[in-house]
Protein backbone atom coordinates (compact mmCIF):
# COMPACT_ATOMS: atom_id res chain seq x y z
CA UNK A 1 0.10 0.05 0.02
CA UNK A 2 2.81 2.35 0.67
CA UNK A 3 4.35 1.57 -2.63
CA UNK A 4 1.19 2.64 -4.24
CA UNK A 5 0.90 5.70 -2.19
CA UNK A 6 4.47 6.65 -3.33
CA UNK A 7 3.85 5.97 -6.82
CA UNK A 8 0.67 8.22 -7.11
CA UNK A 9 1.18 11.80 -8.09
CA UNK A 10 0.42 14.30 -5.25
CA UNK A 11 -0.58 13.66 -1.61
CA UNK A 12 -3.11 10.97 -0.94
CA UNK A 13 -6.29 11.59 1.36
CA UNK A 14 -6.56 9.05 4.02
CA UNK A 15 -9.27 7.74 6.59
CA UNK A 16 -10.15 8.08 9.48
CA UNK A 17 -8.70 11.34 9.61
CA UNK A 18 -9.48 12.85 6.42
CA UNK A 19 -5.86 14.05 6.27
CA UNK A 20 -3.26 14.84 3.56
CA UNK A 21 -0.85 11.90 3.67
CA UNK A 22 2.93 12.63 2.73
CA UNK A 23 4.09 9.12 1.76
CA UNK A 24 7.39 9.87 0.15
CA UNK A 25 10.60 11.02 1.82
CA UNK A 26 10.97 14.49 0.51
CA UNK A 27 7.67 15.25 1.58
CA UNK A 28 7.76 13.67 4.92
CA UNK A 29 11.02 15.47 5.73
CA UNK A 30 9.35 18.78 4.45
CA UNK A 31 6.74 18.55 6.92
CA UNK A 32 9.14 18.00 9.86
CA UNK A 33 11.67 20.85 8.95
CA UNK A 34 9.20 23.75 8.41
CA UNK A 35 7.34 24.48 11.80
CA UNK A 36 6.10 27.88 10.36
CA UNK A 37 4.09 25.96 7.74
CA UNK A 38 3.39 22.62 9.27
CA UNK A 39 2.50 23.42 13.02
CA UNK A 40 3.03 20.84 16.01
CA UNK A 41 0.76 22.90 18.32
CA UNK A 42 -2.49 21.40 16.95
CA UNK A 43 -1.47 18.10 18.78
CA UNK A 44 -2.28 19.74 22.02
CA UNK A 45 -5.93 19.89 21.01
CA UNK A 46 -5.71 15.88 20.33
CA UNK A 47 -4.24 15.45 24.01
CA UNK A 48 -6.86 17.71 25.60
CA UNK A 49 -10.39 16.91 24.48
CA UNK A 50 -12.98 18.71 26.82
CA UNK A 51 -13.98 15.66 28.61
CA UNK A 52 -10.30 14.92 29.97
CA UNK A 53 -9.74 18.30 31.70
CA UNK A 54 -6.33 19.53 32.03
CA UNK A 55 -3.63 17.33 30.52
CA UNK A 56 0.19 18.17 30.77
CA UNK A 57 1.03 16.65 27.72
CA UNK A 58 -1.00 19.09 25.92
CA UNK A 59 1.59 21.86 26.99
CA UNK A 60 4.72 19.61 26.27
CA UNK A 61 7.64 20.24 24.15
CA UNK A 62 6.09 17.90 21.25
CA UNK A 63 3.25 20.40 20.75
CA UNK A 64 5.44 23.49 20.87
CA UNK A 65 6.62 25.71 17.79
CA UNK A 66 9.29 28.33 18.04
CA UNK A 67 9.94 30.56 19.56
CA UNK A 68 8.09 28.58 22.58
CA UNK A 69 9.94 25.38 21.53
CA UNK A 70 13.58 26.73 21.28
CA UNK A 71 14.14 27.86 24.65
CA UNK A 72 12.25 24.95 26.24
CA UNK A 73 14.20 22.59 24.33
CA UNK A 74 17.60 24.12 25.23
CA UNK A 75 16.70 23.45 28.92
CA UNK A 76 15.43 20.10 28.36
CA UNK A 77 18.55 18.96 26.60
CA UNK A 78 20.81 19.42 29.42
CA UNK A 79 18.95 16.36 30.90
CA UNK A 80 20.06 14.06 27.79
CA UNK A 81 23.59 15.14 27.92
CA UNK A 82 26.89 12.76 27.86
CA UNK A 83 27.44 12.53 31.51
CA UNK A 84 23.64 11.14 32.08
CA UNK A 85 23.79 8.82 29.12
CA UNK A 86 27.34 7.45 30.52
CA UNK A 87 25.89 6.88 33.97
CA UNK A 88 22.91 5.10 32.60
CA UNK A 89 24.96 2.57 30.43
CA UNK A 90 26.16 0.42 33.37
CA UNK A 91 22.42 0.42 34.82
CA UNK A 92 21.12 -0.55 31.54
CA UNK A 93 23.75 -3.51 31.02
CA UNK A 94 22.81 -4.77 34.63
CA UNK A 95 19.09 -4.86 33.89
CA UNK A 96 19.44 -6.39 30.32
CA UNK A 97 21.86 -9.12 31.80
CA UNK A 98 19.44 -9.74 34.77
CA UNK A 99 16.28 -10.15 32.60
CA UNK A 100 18.13 -12.07 29.90
CA UNK A 101 19.52 -14.87 32.32
CA UNK A 102 15.86 -15.09 33.70
CA UNK A 103 14.27 -15.32 30.15
CA UNK A 104 16.79 -17.91 29.20
CA UNK A 105 16.42 -20.31 32.43
CA UNK A 106 12.51 -20.00 31.77
CA UNK A 107 13.05 -21.11 28.08
CA UNK A 108 9.56 -20.51 26.84
CA UNK A 109 8.49 -17.00 27.37
CA UNK A 110 6.61 -13.95 25.95
CA UNK A 111 9.61 -11.64 25.08
CA UNK A 112 7.51 -8.61 25.64
CA UNK A 113 6.67 -9.08 29.30
CA UNK A 114 10.00 -10.73 29.97
CA UNK A 115 12.35 -8.31 28.12
CA UNK A 116 11.48 -5.90 25.46
CA UNK A 117 9.05 -3.80 27.79
CA UNK A 118 10.89 -4.39 31.05
CA UNK A 119 14.22 -2.89 30.16
CA UNK A 120 13.01 0.39 29.02
CA UNK A 121 10.38 0.56 31.73
CA UNK A 122 12.77 0.08 34.54
CA UNK A 123 15.50 2.45 33.09
CA UNK A 124 12.97 5.23 32.71
CA UNK A 125 11.56 4.49 36.21
CA UNK A 126 14.87 4.81 37.57
CA UNK A 127 15.62 8.02 35.53
CA UNK A 128 12.64 9.62 37.08
CA UNK A 129 13.20 8.47 40.54
CA UNK A 130 9.88 6.50 40.86
CA UNK A 131 9.21 3.68 43.28
CA UNK A 132 9.67 0.31 41.69
CA UNK A 133 6.19 -0.63 43.02
CA UNK A 134 4.92 1.92 40.58
CA UNK A 135 6.94 0.35 37.58
CA UNK A 136 3.89 -2.28 36.69
CA UNK A 137 1.55 0.60 36.07
CA UNK A 138 3.64 1.97 33.14
CA UNK A 139 1.85 -0.26 30.64
CA UNK A 140 -1.49 1.03 31.80
CA UNK A 141 -0.46 4.56 32.06
CA UNK A 142 0.70 4.48 28.58
CA UNK A 143 -2.05 2.70 27.19
CA UNK A 144 -4.54 5.16 28.79
CA UNK A 145 -2.50 8.15 27.42
CA UNK A 146 -2.56 6.87 24.11
CA UNK A 147 -6.23 6.07 24.10
CA UNK A 148 -7.21 9.63 24.80
CA UNK A 149 -7.72 10.38 20.94
CA UNK A 150 -9.91 7.18 20.75
CA UNK A 151 -11.79 6.80 24.09
CA UNK A 152 -15.57 7.32 23.15
CA UNK A 153 -17.41 5.37 25.85
CA UNK A 154 -17.72 6.59 29.46
CA UNK A 155 -15.79 3.97 30.76
CA UNK A 156 -12.98 4.58 28.39
CA UNK A 157 -12.82 8.15 29.16
CA UNK A 158 -12.89 7.67 33.02
CA UNK A 159 -9.85 5.38 32.49
CA UNK A 160 -7.93 8.02 30.68
CA UNK A 161 -9.07 10.48 33.48
CA UNK A 162 -7.83 7.98 35.87
CA UNK A 163 -4.50 7.54 34.29
CA UNK A 164 -3.91 11.43 34.17
CA UNK A 165 -4.76 11.79 38.00
CA UNK A 166 -2.44 8.91 38.95
CA UNK A 167 0.33 10.22 36.75
CA UNK A 168 0.23 13.58 38.02
CA UNK A 169 0.28 12.37 41.76
CA UNK A 170 3.17 10.28 41.11
CA UNK A 171 5.27 12.63 39.10
CA UNK A 172 4.40 15.70 41.28
CA UNK A 173 5.47 13.76 44.22
CA UNK A 174 8.87 13.00 42.54
CA UNK A 175 9.33 16.65 41.62
CA UNK A 176 8.82 17.65 45.41
CA UNK A 177 11.10 15.03 46.83
CA UNK A 178 14.00 15.91 44.17
CA UNK A 179 13.55 19.41 45.01
CA UNK A 180 14.20 18.64 48.73
CA UNK A 181 16.61 16.08 48.29
CA UNK A 182 18.57 16.29 44.95
CA UNK A 183 20.18 13.28 43.62
CA UNK A 184 22.14 12.14 40.36
CA UNK A 185 19.29 11.61 38.35
CA UNK A 186 17.47 13.42 35.26
CA UNK A 187 14.70 15.00 37.75
CA UNK A 188 17.46 16.68 39.58
CA UNK A 189 19.22 17.94 36.60
CA UNK A 190 16.16 19.40 35.20
CA UNK A 191 15.12 21.14 38.48
CA UNK A 192 19.02 22.67 38.20
CA UNK A 193 19.06 23.40 34.41
CA UNK A 194 19.19 27.21 33.49
CA UNK A 195 20.01 28.71 30.02
CA UNK A 196 20.44 32.34 30.17
CA UNK A 197 18.91 32.93 33.60
CA UNK A 198 15.71 30.98 32.96
CA UNK A 199 14.67 27.57 34.78
CA UNK A 200 12.13 25.36 34.11
CA UNK A 201 8.56 26.11 35.62
CA UNK A 202 6.89 23.34 37.54
CA UNK A 203 4.04 23.14 34.67
CA UNK A 204 7.13 22.63 32.06
CA UNK A 205 8.77 19.94 34.22
CA UNK A 206 5.56 17.94 34.78
CA UNK A 207 4.56 18.18 31.02
CA UNK A 208 8.16 17.03 29.94
CA UNK A 209 7.66 14.17 32.70
CA UNK A 210 4.36 13.28 31.30
CA UNK A 211 5.65 13.18 27.78
CA UNK A 212 8.88 11.32 28.72
CA UNK A 213 7.23 8.26 30.65
CA UNK A 214 5.00 6.84 27.98
CA UNK A 215 7.29 8.06 24.96
CA UNK A 216 10.54 6.65 26.74
CA UNK A 217 8.77 3.60 27.48
CA UNK A 218 6.70 2.60 24.41
CA UNK A 219 9.10 3.51 21.55
CA UNK A 220 12.12 1.64 22.99
CA UNK A 221 9.79 -1.34 23.63
CA UNK A 222 8.56 -1.47 20.33
CA UNK A 223 12.05 -1.00 18.92
CA UNK A 224 13.27 -4.05 21.00
CA UNK A 225 10.26 -6.07 20.04
CA UNK A 226 10.78 -5.68 16.36
CA UNK A 227 14.45 -6.47 16.85
CA UNK A 228 13.66 -9.66 18.59
CA UNK A 229 11.09 -10.68 15.99
CA UNK A 230 13.89 -9.96 13.11
CA UNK A 231 16.42 -11.94 15.00
CA UNK A 232 13.88 -14.96 15.09
CA UNK A 233 12.96 -14.63 11.48
CA UNK A 234 16.50 -13.98 10.42
CA UNK A 235 18.80 -16.30 12.37
CA UNK A 236 21.73 -15.32 10.05
CA UNK A 237 21.40 -11.90 11.81
CA UNK A 238 21.42 -13.48 15.37
CA UNK A 239 24.71 -15.41 14.12
CA UNK A 240 26.29 -12.20 13.04
CA UNK A 241 25.45 -10.15 16.22
CA UNK A 242 26.69 -13.02 18.18
CA UNK A 243 30.02 -13.12 16.25
CA UNK A 244 30.37 -9.42 16.34
CA UNK A 245 29.59 -6.70 18.40
CA UNK A 246 30.07 -4.04 15.85
CA UNK A 247 27.13 -5.68 13.94
CA UNK A 248 24.67 -4.72 16.64
CA UNK A 249 24.36 -0.92 15.95
CA UNK A 250 24.20 -1.46 12.05
CA UNK A 251 21.36 -3.91 12.83
CA UNK A 252 19.50 -1.63 15.12
CA UNK A 253 19.55 1.19 12.42
CA UNK A 254 18.03 -1.03 9.91
CA UNK A 255 15.30 -2.18 12.50
CA UNK A 256 14.81 1.53 12.97
CA UNK A 257 14.27 1.98 8.96
CA UNK A 258 12.67 -1.36 7.97
CA UNK A 259 10.26 -1.93 11.06
CA UNK A 260 9.68 1.56 12.13
CA UNK A 261 8.32 2.02 15.62
CA UNK A 262 7.20 5.31 14.85
CA UNK A 263 4.70 5.23 11.94
CA UNK A 264 3.23 8.68 11.62
CA UNK A 265 3.84 12.36 12.35
CA UNK A 266 1.02 14.63 12.84
CA UNK A 267 1.12 18.47 11.47
CA UNK A 268 -1.25 21.23 10.92
CA UNK A 269 -0.95 23.43 7.85
CA UNK A 270 -0.89 27.25 9.06
CA UNK A 271 -1.42 28.54 5.58
CA UNK A 272 -2.53 27.65 2.26
CA UNK A 273 0.28 25.55 0.80
CA UNK A 274 1.31 23.54 -2.15
CA UNK A 275 3.37 20.24 -1.56
CA UNK A 276 4.10 17.97 -4.54
CA UNK A 277 1.63 19.66 -6.59
CA UNK A 278 -1.05 19.07 -4.20
CA UNK A 279 -3.01 22.20 -2.70
CA UNK A 280 -3.34 21.98 1.07
CA UNK A 281 -5.56 24.54 2.60
CA UNK A 282 -4.82 26.42 6.00
CA UNK A 283 -6.17 24.09 9.03
CA UNK A 284 -5.76 20.75 7.15
CA UNK A 285 -4.28 18.13 8.99
CA UNK A 286 -1.21 16.40 7.18
CA UNK A 287 0.39 13.38 7.94
CA UNK A 288 3.90 12.29 7.27
CA UNK A 289 3.85 8.80 6.87
CA UNK A 290 7.26 7.74 8.40
CA UNK A 291 6.89 4.06 7.57
CA UNK A 292 6.54 4.65 3.94
CA UNK A 293 9.38 7.30 3.86
CA UNK A 294 11.65 5.05 5.30
CA UNK A 295 10.85 2.80 2.33
CA UNK A 296 11.24 5.27 -0.11
CA UNK A 297 13.34 3.77 -3.13
CA UNK A 298 14.35 7.23 -4.00
CA UNK A 299 16.36 7.30 -0.99
CA UNK A 300 17.07 3.69 -0.03
CA UNK A 301 18.58 1.20 -2.73
CA UNK A 302 16.27 -1.87 -2.65
CA UNK A 303 14.30 -0.45 0.57
CA UNK A 304 12.37 -3.80 1.09
CA UNK A 305 15.42 -5.87 1.78
CA UNK A 306 16.78 -6.05 5.26
CA UNK A 307 20.46 -4.72 4.77
CA UNK A 308 22.11 -3.59 8.16
CA UNK A 309 25.15 -1.42 7.11
CA UNK A 310 23.46 -0.11 4.05
CA UNK A 311 24.21 3.12 2.25
CA UNK A 312 22.14 6.01 4.05
CA UNK A 313 21.16 3.55 6.67
CA UNK A 314 21.05 6.15 9.45
CA UNK A 315 19.19 8.54 7.42
CA UNK A 316 15.68 7.24 8.27
CA UNK A 317 13.26 9.48 9.89
CA UNK A 318 12.08 7.36 12.74
CA UNK A 319 13.38 9.88 15.34
CA UNK A 320 11.91 12.84 13.24
CA UNK A 321 13.99 15.48 11.55
CA UNK A 322 14.49 19.05 12.29
CA UNK A 323 13.81 21.04 15.43
CA UNK A 324 11.72 18.41 16.88
CA UNK A 325 14.14 15.53 16.36
CA UNK A 326 13.68 12.91 19.29
CA UNK A 327 15.65 14.12 22.49
CA UNK A 328 15.82 10.71 23.55
CA UNK A 329 17.40 8.98 20.47
CA UNK A 330 20.64 8.90 22.16
CA UNK A 331 19.26 6.92 24.99
CA UNK A 332 17.05 4.49 22.69
CA UNK A 333 19.98 3.62 20.69
CA UNK A 334 21.86 2.96 23.87
CA UNK A 335 19.25 0.85 25.57
CA UNK A 336 18.79 -1.15 22.31
CA UNK A 337 22.32 -1.58 21.77
CA UNK A 338 23.23 -2.90 25.17
CA UNK A 339 19.92 -4.98 25.66
CA UNK A 340 20.85 -6.87 22.24
CA UNK A 341 24.42 -7.41 23.31
CA UNK A 342 23.26 -9.13 26.57
CA UNK A 343 20.71 -10.99 24.84
CA UNK A 344 22.41 -12.45 21.99
CA UNK A 345 25.08 -13.57 24.14
CA UNK A 346 23.12 -16.08 25.84
CA UNK A 347 21.03 -17.53 23.20
CA UNK A 348 21.73 -19.62 20.02
CA UNK A 349 18.37 -19.56 18.69
CA UNK A 350 15.05 -17.70 19.12
CA UNK A 351 12.02 -19.88 18.00
CA UNK A 352 8.66 -18.27 17.47
CA UNK A 353 5.60 -20.34 18.99
CA UNK A 354 3.19 -18.87 16.71
CA UNK A 355 3.20 -18.44 12.92
CA UNK A 356 1.24 -14.93 13.33
CA UNK A 357 2.21 -11.87 14.94
CA UNK A 358 -0.43 -10.02 17.45
CA UNK A 359 0.67 -6.32 16.75
CA UNK A 360 -0.15 -3.45 19.01
CA UNK A 361 -3.63 -1.86 18.14
CA UNK A 362 -2.28 1.85 17.02
CA UNK A 363 -1.94 4.07 14.02
CA UNK A 364 1.26 5.66 14.98
CA UNK A 365 3.33 2.68 16.75
CA UNK A 366 4.46 -0.33 15.18
CA UNK A 367 5.56 -3.43 17.21
CA UNK A 368 4.44 -6.72 18.59
CA UNK A 369 1.85 -6.83 21.40
CA UNK A 370 3.08 -10.15 22.55
CA UNK A 371 6.15 -12.30 21.32
CA UNK A 372 5.80 -15.85 22.55
CA UNK A 373 9.21 -17.63 21.48
CA UNK A 374 11.16 -20.68 22.79
CA UNK A 375 14.91 -19.73 23.64
CA UNK A 376 17.83 -21.89 22.77
CA UNK A 377 20.54 -21.23 25.44
CA UNK A 378 24.13 -20.80 23.98
């Protein structure tokens, strides 16, 4: 379907949004690099429908355009600096090795519940200084936040409101605790961060934590899930990763391109504009189809082949492009690399226990909801 969309002239119209869809790489990158014409601020309306009440995500970095975006990003970037990433690598390795050992001992496992979700969940939880007793709630919190745009029944809407209340309570407590007792963690660094005499307000801090928790867990969960599925379906990739650690980063970049965890980018046209010969009226929703752009034959040679180390292999749009390039990209790559290094050193085979894959139910994200496997110890 994506190939047909890329072959058609102009932009397609797609349901259920009635949006203009940019399926080619050039068009998708054009959306991402021109915030004056294609605004991110419309995302705040989707995150905060009237029935939900105040939702910190609606005021997060993700929904800001310059100039508001510029200063806020400069402050938040401090939390993702080299010192933080360096400190985390040891913890990611310890967590990954412990979970990999447990999964291999068990033999038959659901890798999502046993590994691909738990690694990023525990790391983000520790980064935010949350009590480990809250970690099991992260999946429900993430699902509740994601469901805001599609919740229609009273029960669904109340679950979303409940999630927002719980997250506000937990994350506000973390901010108050770290303000009184700073530590070597991300929240403490955010509280101290200052650019040109400006610090983050409490509302800005809370909105960032609301964004980071589900985004930091879910995206890496899908990346690791897609990587594990690829290793199971392509045993030669597992052999190469086991034989040469240098293959792992190349493998991860190709998974990011070939099985993009992020499938869509949402923008709103701020003025009448023409893109690829299609007139887009002001106020129209425009989608960058990342999953299609990453398979564009105009950019990637033989795009439907899985080829780690390919030319332009790291030019995919999975982490975005331009001012909204993902702040956590370096962290996601670190978690994926270290987790896979720990896992592949312990197994000589990953056998799928089902011929069909149950994918997560989402327009914008892509990854297995469950991944039942049989692991063959090394």
